[in-house]
Structure formats: structure tokens, C-alpha cells
C-alpha atoms as a PDB file:
ATOM      1  CA  MET A   1      -6.265   9.710 -43.137  1.00  0.00           C
ATOM      2  CA  VAL A   2      -3.969   8.471 -39.894  1.00  0.00           C
ATOM      3  CA  GLU A   3      -3.597  11.349 -37.594  1.00  0.00           C
ATOM      4  CA  GLU A   4       0.347  11.699 -36.332  1.00  0.00           C
ATOM      5  CA  PRO A   5       0.704  11.335 -32.609  1.00  0.00           C
ATOM      6  CA  GLY A   6       0.578  14.199 -30.307  1.00  0.00           C
ATOM      7  CA  ARG A   7       4.174  15.144 -28.206  1.00  0.00           C
ATOM      8  CA  LEU A   8       2.972  13.166 -25.176  1.00  0.00           C
ATOM      9  CA  GLU A   9       1.369  10.048 -26.762  1.00  0.00           C
ATOM     10  CA  ARG A  10       5.450  10.143 -28.325  1.00  0.00           C
ATOM     11  CA  LEU A  11       6.432  10.102 -24.640  1.00  0.00           C
ATOM     12  CA  VAL A  12       4.524   7.655 -23.357  1.00  0.00           C
ATOM     13  CA  GLU A  13       5.840   5.284 -25.985  1.00  0.00           C
ATOM     14  CA  ALA A  14       9.391   6.102 -25.334  1.00  0.00           C
ATOM     15  CA  GLY A  15       8.913   5.415 -21.602  1.00  0.00           C
ATOM     16  CA  LYS A  16       7.479   2.167 -22.467  1.00  0.00           C
ATOM     17  CA  ALA A  17      10.503   1.747 -24.531  1.00  0.00           C
ATOM     18  CA  VAL A  18      12.411   2.418 -21.361  1.00  0.00           C
ATOM     19  CA  ILE A  19      10.632   1.050 -18.797  1.00  0.00           C
ATOM     20  CA  PRO A  20       9.220  -2.390 -20.172  1.00  0.00           C
ATOM     21  CA  PRO A  21       6.028  -3.137 -18.494  1.00  0.00           C
ATOM     22  CA  LEU A  22       7.344  -6.165 -16.396  1.00  0.00           C
ATOM     23  CA  THR A  23       9.863  -4.345 -14.456  1.00  0.00           C
ATOM     24  CA  LEU A  24       7.448  -1.339 -13.846  1.00  0.00           C
ATOM     25  CA  LEU A  25       5.266  -3.957 -12.560  1.00  0.00           C
ATOM     26  CA  SER A  26       7.801  -5.475  -9.697  1.00  0.00           C
ATOM     27  CA  ALA A  27       9.111  -2.087  -9.059  1.00  0.00           C
ATOM     28  CA  LEU A  28       5.158  -1.125  -8.121  1.00  0.00           C
ATOM     29  CA  LEU A  29       4.950  -4.507  -5.549  1.00  0.00           C
ATOM     30  CA  PHE A  30       8.375  -3.841  -3.976  1.00  0.00           C
ATOM     31  CA  TYR A  31       7.540  -0.376  -3.257  1.00  0.00           C
ATOM     32  CA  PHE A  32       3.203  -1.438  -2.067  1.00  0.00           C
ATOM     33  CA  GLY A  33       5.169  -4.606  -0.357  1.00  0.00           C
ATOM     34  CA  TYR A  34       8.200  -1.954   1.444  1.00  0.00           C
ATOM     35  CA  VAL A  35       4.862   0.455   2.421  1.00  0.00           C
ATOM     36  CA  SER A  36       3.258  -2.470   4.405  1.00  0.00           C
ATOM     37  CA  ALA A  37       6.318  -4.340   5.887  1.00  0.00           C
ATOM     38  CA  ARG A  38       7.772  -0.644   6.687  1.00  0.00           C
ATOM     39  CA  SER A  39       4.007  -0.322   8.601  1.00  0.00           C
ATOM     40  CA  GLN A  40       4.277  -3.277  10.144  1.00  0.00           C
ATOM     41  CA  TYR A  41       7.082  -3.776  12.537  1.00  0.00           C
ATOM     42  CA  GLU A  42       7.331   0.154  12.737  1.00  0.00           C
ATOM     43  CA  TYR A  43       4.822  -0.554  15.261  1.00  0.00           C
ATOM     44  CA  PHE A  44       6.867  -3.160  16.851  1.00  0.00           C
ATOM     45  CA  GLY A  45       9.847  -0.523  16.891  1.00  0.00           C
ATOM     46  CA  VAL A  46      11.634  -2.484  14.253  1.00  0.00           C
ATOM     47  CA  ASP A  47      12.903  -0.033  11.371  1.00  0.00           C
ATOM     48  CA  VAL A  48      12.056  -2.484   8.810  1.00  0.00           C
ATOM     49  CA  ASP A  49      15.341  -1.500   7.063  1.00  0.00           C
ATOM     50  CA  THR A  50      17.768  -3.758   9.957  1.00  0.00           C
ATOM     51  CA  ILE A  51      16.313  -6.750   8.822  1.00  0.00           C
ATOM     52  CA  GLY A  52      17.443  -7.472   5.644  1.00  0.00           C
ATOM     53  CA  LEU A  53      14.201  -8.405   3.809  1.00  0.00           C
ATOM     54  CA  GLY A  54      15.334  -8.727   0.192  1.00  0.00           C
ATOM     55  CA  THR A  55      13.380  -7.498  -2.709  1.00  0.00           C
ATOM     56  CA  GLN A  56      11.680 -10.717  -3.365  1.00  0.00           C
ATOM     57  CA  ASP A  57      10.435 -10.859  -0.022  1.00  0.00           C
ATOM     58  CA  TYR A  58       8.608  -7.241  -0.172  1.00  0.00           C
ATOM     59  CA  ILE A  59       7.142  -8.083  -3.683  1.00  0.00           C
ATOM     60  CA  MET A  60       5.927 -11.672  -1.981  1.00  0.00           C
ATOM     61  CA  ARG A  61       4.327  -9.785   0.626  1.00  0.00           C
ATOM     62  CA  SER A  62       2.514  -6.952  -1.753  1.00  0.00           C
ATOM     63  CA  PRO A  63      -0.519  -9.390  -2.754  1.00  0.00           C
ATOM     64  CA  GLN A  64      -2.143  -8.912   1.038  1.00  0.00           C
ATOM     65  CA  PRO A  65      -1.708  -5.036   1.134  1.00  0.00           C
ATOM     66  CA  LEU A  66      -3.496  -4.462  -2.625  1.00  0.00           C
ATOM     67  CA  LEU A  67      -5.891  -6.858  -2.630  1.00  0.00           C
ATOM     68  CA  THR A  68      -8.947  -4.645  -2.012  1.00  0.00           C
ATOM     69  CA  PRO A  69      -7.004  -1.559  -3.820  1.00  0.00           C
ATOM     70  CA  LEU A  70      -7.184  -3.789  -6.887  1.00  0.00           C
ATOM     71  CA  LEU A  71     -10.738  -5.235  -6.332  1.00  0.00           C
ATOM     72  CA  VAL A  72     -12.274  -1.546  -5.653  1.00  0.00           C
ATOM     73  CA  PHE A  73     -10.369  -0.517  -8.713  1.00  0.00           C
ATOM     74  CA  ALA A  74     -11.511  -3.534 -11.017  1.00  0.00           C
ATOM     75  CA  ALA A  75     -14.757  -2.860  -9.975  1.00  0.00           C
ATOM     76  CA  ALA A  76     -14.824   0.598 -11.000  1.00  0.00           C
ATOM     77  CA  ALA A  77     -13.374   0.443 -14.397  1.00  0.00           C
ATOM     78  CA  ALA A  78     -16.057  -2.948 -15.214  1.00  0.00           C
ATOM     79  CA  GLY A  79     -19.086  -0.100 -13.848  1.00  0.00           C
ATOM     80  CA  SER A  80     -17.277   2.493 -15.767  1.00  0.00           C
ATOM     81  CA  ILE A  81     -17.125   0.277 -18.702  1.00  0.00           C
ATOM     82  CA  ALA A  82     -20.253  -0.630 -18.694  1.00  0.00           C
ATOM     83  CA  VAL A  83     -22.068   2.984 -18.208  1.00  0.00           C
ATOM     84  CA  HIS A  84     -19.609   4.051 -21.401  1.00  0.00           C
ATOM     85  CA  ALA A  85     -20.798   1.667 -23.063  1.00  0.00           C
ATOM     86  CA  ALA A  86     -24.695   1.986 -22.392  1.00  0.00           C
ATOM     87  CA  ILE A  87     -24.112   5.912 -23.048  1.00  0.00           C
ATOM     88  CA  ARG A  88     -22.441   4.406 -26.128  1.00  0.00           C
ATOM     89  CA  ARG A  89     -25.321   2.687 -27.861  1.00  0.00           C
ATOM     90  CA  ARG A  90     -27.767   6.172 -27.207  1.00  0.00           C
ATOM     91  CA  ILE A  91     -25.988   7.869 -28.599  1.00  0.00           C
ATOM     92  CA  HIS A  92     -26.450   7.205 -31.987  1.00  0.00           C
ATOM     93  CA  PRO A  93     -27.570   8.076 -35.678  1.00  0.00           C
ATOM     94  CA  GLY A  94     -31.191   7.699 -35.091  1.00  0.00           C
ATOM     95  CA  ALA A  95     -31.367   9.029 -31.848  1.00  0.00           C
ATOM     96  CA  SER A  96     -34.055  11.536 -31.303  1.00  0.00           C
ATOM     97  CA  ALA A  97     -32.753  15.747 -30.400  1.00  0.00           C
ATOM     98  CA  ARG A  98     -34.297  14.670 -26.728  1.00  0.00           C
ATOM     99  CA  THR A  99     -31.970  11.875 -25.868  1.00  0.00           C
ATOM    100  CA  VAL A 100     -28.802  13.935 -27.546  1.00  0.00           C
ATOM    101  CA  ALA A 101     -29.963  16.919 -25.412  1.00  0.00           C
ATOM    102  CA  ARG A 102     -30.076  14.466 -22.021  1.00  0.00           C
ATOM    103  CA  MET A 103     -26.497  12.803 -22.776  1.00  0.00           C
ATOM    104  CA  ARG A 104     -25.050  16.701 -23.406  1.00  0.00           C
ATOM    105  CA  ARG A 105     -26.305  18.262 -19.767  1.00  0.00           C
ATOM    106  CA  MET A 106     -24.723  14.442 -18.587  1.00  0.00           C
ATOM    107  CA  GLY A 107     -21.642  15.279 -20.006  1.00  0.00           C
ATOM    108  CA  ARG A 108     -21.483  19.548 -19.171  1.00  0.00           C
ATOM    109  CA  ALA A 109     -22.375  18.551 -15.077  1.00  0.00           C
ATOM    110  CA  GLY A 110     -19.080  15.944 -15.110  1.00  0.00           C
ATOM    111  CA  GLN A 111     -17.350  19.003 -16.778  1.00  0.00           C
ATOM    112  CA  VAL A 112     -18.293  21.246 -14.026  1.00  0.00           C
ATOM    113  CA  ALA A 113     -18.681  18.733 -10.891  1.00  0.00           C
ATOM    114  CA  GLY A 114     -15.635  17.428 -11.988  1.00  0.00           C
ATOM    115  CA  PRO A 115     -13.074  20.600 -11.599  1.00  0.00           C
ATOM    116  CA  ALA A 116     -15.064  21.709  -8.623  1.00  0.00           C
ATOM    117  CA  VAL A 117     -14.294  18.128  -6.810  1.00  0.00           C
ATOM    118  CA  LEU A 118     -10.756  18.780  -7.982  1.00  0.00           C
ATOM    119  CA  ALA A 119     -10.448  21.947  -6.659  1.00  0.00           C
ATOM    120  CA  GLY A 120     -11.827  20.829  -2.982  1.00  0.00           C
ATOM    121  CA  GLY A 121      -8.439  17.948  -3.501  1.00  0.00           C
ATOM    122  CA  LEU A 122      -6.168  20.674  -4.430  1.00  0.00           C
ATOM    123  CA  LEU A 123      -7.598  22.360  -1.666  1.00  0.00           C
ATOM    124  CA  LEU A 124      -6.855  19.783   1.390  1.00  0.00           C
ATOM    125  CA  LEU A 125      -3.748  19.499  -0.936  1.00  0.00           C
ATOM    126  CA  SER A 126      -2.104  22.912  -0.453  1.00  0.00           C
ATOM    127  CA  GLY A 127      -3.356  22.276   3.261  1.00  0.00           C
ATOM    128  CA  TYR A 128      -1.077  19.216   3.927  1.00  0.00           C
ATOM    129  CA  PRO A 129       0.984  21.239   7.030  1.00  0.00           C
ATOM    130  CA  LEU A 130      -2.291  21.852   8.345  1.00  0.00           C
ATOM    131  CA  LEU A 131      -4.240  18.482   7.866  1.00  0.00           C
ATOM    132  CA  ARG A 132      -1.158  15.823   7.809  1.00  0.00           C
ATOM    133  CA  ASP A 133      -2.267  14.946  11.537  1.00  0.00           C
ATOM    134  CA  TRP A 134      -5.531  13.866   9.831  1.00  0.00           C
ATOM    135  CA  ARG A 135      -5.996  10.467   9.736  1.00  0.00           C
ATOM    136  CA  LEU A 136      -8.053  10.084   6.423  1.00  0.00           C
ATOM    137  CA  TYR A 137      -6.258  12.855   4.781  1.00  0.00           C
ATOM    138  CA  GLY A 138      -3.673  10.068   2.446  1.00  0.00           C
ATOM    139  CA  LEU A 139      -7.027   8.833   1.467  1.00  0.00           C
ATOM    140  CA  VAL A 140      -9.845  11.878   1.874  1.00  0.00           C
ATOM    141  CA  THR A 141      -7.464  14.086  -0.692  1.00  0.00           C
ATOM    142  CA  PRO A 142      -6.468  11.588  -3.604  1.00  0.00           C
ATOM    143  CA  LEU A 143     -10.128   9.985  -3.554  1.00  0.00           C
ATOM    144  CA  LEU A 144     -11.502  13.809  -4.054  1.00  0.00           C
ATOM    145  CA  ILE A 145      -8.458  14.654  -6.925  1.00  0.00           C
ATOM    146  CA  ALA A 146      -9.386  10.888  -8.598  1.00  0.00           C
ATOM    147  CA  LEU A 147     -12.654  11.475  -8.408  1.00  0.00           C
ATOM    148  CA  GLY A 148     -12.755  15.617  -9.740  1.00  0.00           C
ATOM    149  CA  GLY A 149     -10.417  13.963 -12.518  1.00  0.00           C
ATOM    150  CA  THR A 150     -13.022  10.881 -13.768  1.00  0.00           C
ATOM    151  CA  LEU A 151     -15.737  12.659 -13.515  1.00  0.00           C
ATOM    152  CA  TYR A 152     -14.285  15.747 -15.769  1.00  0.00           C
ATOM    153  CA  GLY A 153     -12.867  13.041 -17.974  1.00  0.00           C
ATOM    154  CA  SER A 154     -15.959  11.223 -18.079  1.00  0.00           C
ATOM    155  CA  GLY A 155     -17.858  14.223 -19.041  1.00  0.00           C
ATOM    156  CA  ALA A 156     -15.097  14.990 -21.974  1.00  0.00           C
ATOM    157  CA  ALA A 157     -15.721  11.691 -23.027  1.00  0.00           C
ATOM    158  CA  ILE A 158     -19.200  12.093 -23.884  1.00  0.00           C
ATOM    159  CA  GLY A 159     -18.803  15.365 -25.100  1.00  0.00           C
ATOM    160  CA  ARG A 160     -16.815  13.860 -27.495  1.00  0.00           C
ATOM    161  CA  LEU A 161     -19.189  11.372 -28.712  1.00  0.00           C
ATOM    162  CA  LEU A 162     -21.340  14.623 -29.612  1.00  0.00           C
ATOM    163  CA  ARG A 163     -18.674  16.230 -31.170  1.00  0.00           C
ATOM    164  CA  PRO A 164     -15.734  15.536 -33.856  1.00  0.00           C
ATOM    165  CA  PRO A 165     -13.068  13.760 -32.540  1.00  0.00           C
ATOM    166  CA  PRO A 166     -10.560  17.029 -30.248  1.00  0.00           C
ATOM    167  CA  ALA A 167      -7.753  18.234 -31.849  1.00  0.00           C
ATOM    168  CA  PRO A 168      -4.042  17.058 -30.542  1.00  0.00           C
ATOM    169  CA  SER A 169      -4.317  19.707 -27.360  1.00  0.00           C
ATOM    170  CA  GLY A 170      -7.844  18.332 -26.695  1.00  0.00           C
ATOM    171  CA  ARG A 171      -6.447  14.440 -26.583  1.00  0.00           C
ATOM    172  CA  ALA A 172      -3.007  16.115 -24.056  1.00  0.00           C
ATOM    173  CA  SER A 173      -5.289  17.638 -22.267  1.00  0.00           C
ATOM    174  CA  THR A 174      -7.012  14.508 -21.533  1.00  0.00           C
ATOM    175  CA  THR A 175      -4.374  12.063 -21.408  1.00  0.00           C
ATOM    176  CA  LEU A 176      -2.943  14.625 -18.464  1.00  0.00           C
ATOM    177  CA  VAL A 177      -6.900  14.390 -16.494  1.00  0.00           C
ATOM    178  CA  TYR A 178      -5.741  10.572 -16.933  1.00  0.00           C
ATOM    179  CA  LEU A 179      -2.815  10.870 -15.475  1.00  0.00           C
ATOM    180  CA  VAL A 180      -4.030  13.118 -12.469  1.00  0.00           C
ATOM    181  CA  VAL A 181      -6.625  10.117 -12.134  1.00  0.00           C
ATOM    182  CA  ALA A 182      -3.537   7.851 -12.200  1.00  0.00           C
ATOM    183  CA  VAL A 183      -1.390   9.234  -9.439  1.00  0.00           C
ATOM    184  CA  SER A 184      -3.861   9.498  -7.282  1.00  0.00           C
ATOM    185  CA  ALA A 185      -4.844   6.296  -7.282  1.00  0.00           C
ATOM    186  CA  PHE A 186      -1.282   5.268  -6.709  1.00  0.00           C
ATOM    187  CA  TRP A 187      -1.475   7.332  -3.255  1.00  0.00           C
ATOM    188  CA  MET A 188      -4.522   6.067  -2.420  1.00  0.00           C
ATOM    189  CA  THR A 189      -3.052   2.768  -2.581  1.00  0.00           C
ATOM    190  CA  ALA A 190       0.398   3.200  -0.702  1.00  0.00           C
ATOM    191  CA  THR A 191      -2.058   4.844   1.874  1.00  0.00           C
ATOM    192  CA  VAL A 192      -4.055   1.676   1.656  1.00  0.00           C
ATOM    193  CA  ALA A 193      -0.857  -0.485   1.939  1.00  0.00           C
ATOM    194  CA  GLN A 194       0.379   1.404   4.832  1.00  0.00           C
ATOM    195  CA  TRP A 195      -3.341   0.832   6.826  1.00  0.00           C
ATOM    196  CA  SER A 196      -2.720  -2.793   6.167  1.00  0.00           C
ATOM    197  CA  GLY A 197       0.419  -2.996   7.956  1.00  0.00           C
ATOM    198  CA  ARG A 198      -0.663  -1.341  10.690  1.00  0.00           C
ATOM    199  CA  GLY A 199      -3.081  -3.402  10.478  1.00  0.00           C
ATOM    200  CA  LEU A 200      -1.468  -7.108  10.365  1.00  0.00           C
ATOM    201  CA  ALA A 201       1.008  -5.758  13.342  1.00  0.00           C
ATOM    202  CA  MET A 202      -2.321  -4.888  15.764  1.00  0.00           C
ATOM    203  CA  ASP A 203      -3.935  -8.222  14.673  1.00  0.00           C
ATOM    204  CA  ARG A 204      -0.213  -9.582  15.286  1.00  0.00           C
ATOM    205  CA  ALA A 205       0.293  -8.554  18.711  1.00  0.00           C
ATOM    206  CA  ASN A 206      -3.279  -9.882  20.205  1.00  0.00           C
ATOM    207  CA  ARG A 207      -2.217 -13.018  19.232  1.00  0.00           C
ATOM    208  CA  LEU A 208       1.560 -13.537  19.886  1.00  0.00           C
ATOM    209  CA  GLY A 209       1.039 -16.243  21.250  1.00  0.00           C
ATOM    210  CA  ARG A 210       0.760 -17.896  17.753  1.00  0.00           C
ATOM    211  CA  LEU A 211       3.878 -17.308  17.135  1.00  0.00           C
ATOM    212  CA  PRO A 212       6.994 -19.223  17.853  1.00  0.00           C
ATOM    213  CA  SER A 213       8.423 -20.186  21.343  1.00  0.00           C
ATOM    214  CA  VAL A 214      11.708 -19.397  21.429  1.00  0.00           C
ATOM    215  CA  ILE A 215      13.822 -20.010  24.782  1.00  0.00           C
ATOM    216  CA  LEU A 216      17.738 -17.875  24.475  1.00  0.00           C
ATOM    217  CA  ASN A 217      20.632 -18.385  26.387  1.00  0.00           C
ATOM    218  CA  THR A 218      23.135 -15.627  26.904  1.00  0.00           C
ATOM    219  CA  ARG A 219      26.291 -14.779  28.320  1.00  0.00           C
ATOM    220  CA  GLU A 220      25.517 -11.575  29.976  1.00  0.00           C
ATOM    221  CA  SER A 221      22.464 -10.733  31.485  1.00  0.00           C
ATOM    222  CA  LEU A 222      20.321  -8.615  29.297  1.00  0.00           C
ATOM    223  CA  PHE A 223      18.665  -6.470  31.705  1.00  0.00           C
ATOM    224  CA  LEU A 224      15.405  -6.857  30.321  1.00  0.00           C
ATOM    225  CA  ARG A 225      11.976  -4.961  30.948  1.00  0.00           C
ATOM    226  CA  SER A 226       9.819  -6.046  29.096  1.00  0.00           C
ATOM    227  CA  PRO A 227       6.459  -7.827  31.737  1.00  0.00           C
ATOM    228  CA  GLY A 228       6.381 -11.838  31.636  1.00  0.00           C
ATOM    229  CA  VAL A 229       9.842 -12.139  30.306  1.00  0.00           C
ATOM    230  CA  LEU A 230      11.324 -15.095  32.963  1.00  0.00           C
ATOM    231  CA  GLU A 231      15.044 -14.415  33.349  1.00  0.00           C
ATOM    232  CA  THR A 232      16.908 -17.236  34.971  1.00  0.00           C
ATOM    233  CA  LYS A 233      20.530 -17.307  36.077  1.00  0.00           C
ATOM    234  CA  LEU A 234      21.823 -20.680  35.298  1.00  0.00           C
ATOM    235  CA  PRO A 235      24.271 -22.759  37.891  1.00  0.00           C
ATOM    236  CA  ALA A 236      27.824 -22.387  37.122  1.00  0.00           C
ATOM    237  CA  SER A 237      29.638 -25.342  36.199  1.00  0.00           C
ATOM    238  CA  GLU A 238      33.021 -25.679  34.455  1.00  0.00           C
ATOM    239  CA  GLY A 239      33.445 -25.025  30.554  1.00  0.00           C
ATOM    240  CA  GLN A 240      29.776 -23.116  30.989  1.00  0.00           C
ATOM    241  CA  THR A 241      29.037 -20.019  28.953  1.00  0.00           C
ATOM    242  CA  PHE A 242      26.135 -18.717  29.018  1.00  0.00           C
ATOM    243  CA  HIS A 243      24.698 -17.830  31.990  1.00  0.00           C
ATOM    244  CA  TYR A 244      21.366 -16.793  31.736  1.00  0.00           C
ATOM    245  CA  ARG A 245      18.262 -18.197  29.992  1.00  0.00           C
ATOM    246  CA  TYR A 246      15.229 -16.444  28.978  1.00  0.00           C
ATOM    247  CA  ARG A 247      11.366 -17.390  28.188  1.00  0.00           C
ATOM    248  CA  ASN A 248       8.496 -16.074  27.390  1.00  0.00           C
ATOM    249  CA  LEU A 249       9.708 -14.951  24.326  1.00  0.00           C
ATOM    250  CA  ARG A 250       8.213 -15.075  20.993  1.00  0.00           C
ATOM    251  CA  LEU A 251       9.883 -14.711  17.271  1.00  0.00           C
ATOM    252  CA  LEU A 252       8.862 -12.060  15.026  1.00  0.00           C
ATOM    253  CA  ILE A 253      10.464 -12.421  12.256  1.00  0.00           C
ATOM    254  CA  HIS A 254      13.971 -13.883  11.228  1.00  0.00           C
ATOM    255  CA  GLY A 255      16.359 -11.269   8.777  1.00  0.00           C
ATOM    256  CA  LYS A 256      19.241 -12.027   6.898  1.00  0.00           C
ATOM    257  CA  ASP A 257      21.894 -13.024  10.078  1.00  0.00           C
ATOM    258  CA  ARG A 258      19.683 -11.714  13.315  1.00  0.00           C
ATOM    259  CA  MET A 259      16.022 -12.553  15.226  1.00  0.00           C
ATOM    260  CA  PHE A 260      13.738 -10.170  16.372  1.00  0.00           C
ATOM    261  CA  LEU A 261      12.379 -11.038  19.266  1.00  0.00           C
ATOM    262  CA  VAL A 262       9.222 -10.078  20.913  1.00  0.00           C
ATOM    263  CA  PRO A 263       7.335 -10.673  24.533  1.00  0.00           C
ATOM    264  CA  ASP A 264       4.878 -13.127  24.519  1.00  0.00           C
ATOM    265  CA  ARG A 265       2.181 -10.945  25.968  1.00  0.00           C
ATOM    266  CA  TRP A 266       1.328  -7.494  24.250  1.00  0.00           C
ATOM    267  CA  SER A 267       2.256  -4.390  26.727  1.00  0.00           C
ATOM    268  CA  ALA A 268       3.292  -0.627  26.414  1.00  0.00           C
ATOM    269  CA  SER A 269       6.145  -1.054  27.684  1.00  0.00           C
ATOM    270  CA  ASN A 270       7.536  -4.266  25.518  1.00  0.00           C
ATOM    271  CA  ALA A 271      10.960  -3.769  23.557  1.00  0.00           C
ATOM    272  CA  THR A 272      11.754  -5.780  20.462  1.00  0.00           C
ATOM    273  CA  ILE A 273      15.202  -7.670  21.316  1.00  0.00           C
ATOM    274  CA  ILE A 274      17.584  -7.896  18.303  1.00  0.00           C
ATOM    275  CA  VAL A 275      19.707 -11.303  18.187  1.00  0.00           C
ATOM    276  CA  PRO A 276      22.611 -11.810  16.285  1.00  0.00           C
ATOM    277  CA  LEU A 277      23.217 -15.221  14.484  1.00  0.00           C
ATOM    278  CA  ASP A 278      26.861 -14.945  15.541  1.00  0.00           C
ATOM    279  CA  GLY A 279      27.647 -17.685  18.436  1.00  0.00           C
ATOM    280  CA  SER A 280      26.837 -14.905  21.150  1.00  0.00           C
ATOM    281  CA  VAL A 281      23.538 -16.790  22.227  1.00  0.00           C
ATOM    282  CA  ARG A 282      21.988 -20.104  21.742  1.00  0.00           C
ATOM    283  CA  VAL A 283      18.386 -20.291  20.527  1.00  0.00           C
ATOM    284  CA  GLN A 284      15.936 -22.898  21.272  1.00  0.00           C
ATOM    285  CA  PHE A 285      12.474 -23.255  19.650  1.00  0.00           C
ATOM    286  CA  GLN A 286       9.734 -25.146  21.831  1.00  0.00           C
ATOM    287  CA  PHE A 287       7.129 -27.466  20.587  1.00  0.00           C
ATOM    288  CA  GLN A 288       3.763 -25.990  19.998  1.00  0.00           C
ATOM    289  CA  ASN A 289       1.643 -27.419  23.734  1.00  0.00           C
ATOM    290  CA  GLN A 290      -0.457 -29.640  21.611  1.00  0.00           C
ATOM    291  CA  PRO A 291      -0.435 -33.236  21.664  1.00  0.00           C
ATOM    292  CA  PRO A 292      -0.624 -34.879  18.584  1.00  0.00           C
END
């Protein structure tokens, strides 16, 4: 006899029909790429929304921050499958009473330890107003919630192997636990993406000399105060519209209709210069100082 799907299962199937998997994947890649880019350029004082990057740009930036979480989740999933398979092999019709009792204790331990760890994560979650400035908050809190849910789900899975299939309400409860784990994994991944973006920014700030070198000519003085940026007043001549030249600048990123320039050496006093590509400035890119 085929069991009727529960209400939650029907909602999941309806969600698949409304949001195709490919669309969902693209949305996730876009989000994590956006989080990483926002953290990266925020380090240079730039709001990423002012750059004008498109959806494809953010999707192309997502693999770097997602690499470590995907490897960790894949390893965890492989380990879980291996452990589950090993437990299934030990729980068979001819298993000894001692083995069954040991497996039952393992299941109960997971169902007890899981809610305890989950409660710790929820306690941190409720303390957000006080703990939000803790740097590890965005990683430890979802990690505890995911770990607690995983322990409880594993204990419940072992219990199901030792007794008849659960009622629909039991299946719904287990599905909700897995949903909590998925949301926590999403939170952890977003935190890692944010850290990845900040790490990329700091690495780039430490290697500004590798960015394209720019000479900027302007009509008026920009009154730049960033250390190391050299301003030169060009000699007056007939028909000359550009009167100032700036050196020691590097191209941070090229937006849709503007460029973002930074000094070639990091300093806390530095500022990012937004240069519109509308003819009001003249930009030259210098060759690298490396003979062929």
C-alpha cells in the first residue's frame, strides 16, 4: 500500500514546480557572490551597488567564496552516508540483542544531545542584540543549530531503523529538523562568503602594485589627500582642456560607466576615486615595468 504524502511533502513538491532548481541555483550563486563582493569593496569604502555589476558578474564571483563550504559540506555528507550505511549493516534481522541495544543507546544519545546543542544555538540567537559584535557570532550560532539538528536527526534515523516507520507527523517533524539544518548551513555559508570577500580585499590592499597603473588627467584639481598620489599642474597651452595630472593610481575595478581608482600604496588615509567615463577626464594605462 502506497502511503499518501503529508502536507509538508506536498508543499515541497509545489515549491519545486513554482521555483525550478536551476533558477534556485542561480539565485543562490548570485546571493553569495553579492555578499562576497559587497564585503570586498566595502573595505575600500565603496558601496558595491554603485559599481554597476550585473547578475552574471556576481554569479561568476560566487565560486571562490563557495569553494570551502562546498568541500566541507560534501565531506560531511559523505561521512554521514558512510556512517548511516555502517549502522544499517549492523542492524539486520539476525543482529544480536547486544548490538541492537548499543544502536538504541546511540539513537537515544543523539536525540538527547541534539536538542541540548540546538538549545545552545537558539540561546545565542536570542542574545543577538548583545552578541552581534562578536566576530564569530555568524559562524558559531548557525553551527550549533545545524549540529544540534543533525545529531537529533541522526538519532531519530537510528530509532526508525529499530522500529516500524513513523507516523506522518513524525516524518513532518524530521523534515522540519532538516529544514533548520539547511537554513543554518545557508547562514554559515553567507558568513564564510562575507569573510572571503574581506580576505580578498585585504590581500588586494597588500598587493596594490599588481593592479593596472593609471595616469589620470583632469580639468580641475581634485584636491586629493591620499599619501603617495602625485599631482602635477600641466603647462598651459592653446586648446588644452586638461590642466592637472595624477600619478601613482591603480585601477581597483571598472564599472558600467565609471572607474574606481585607489593609490598604489595602502594607507588608512587613502580614499577611492570615482572617475566617470564621460569625457571629463583622460585616462592612460601604463605598461608594467618589466622588459620583455
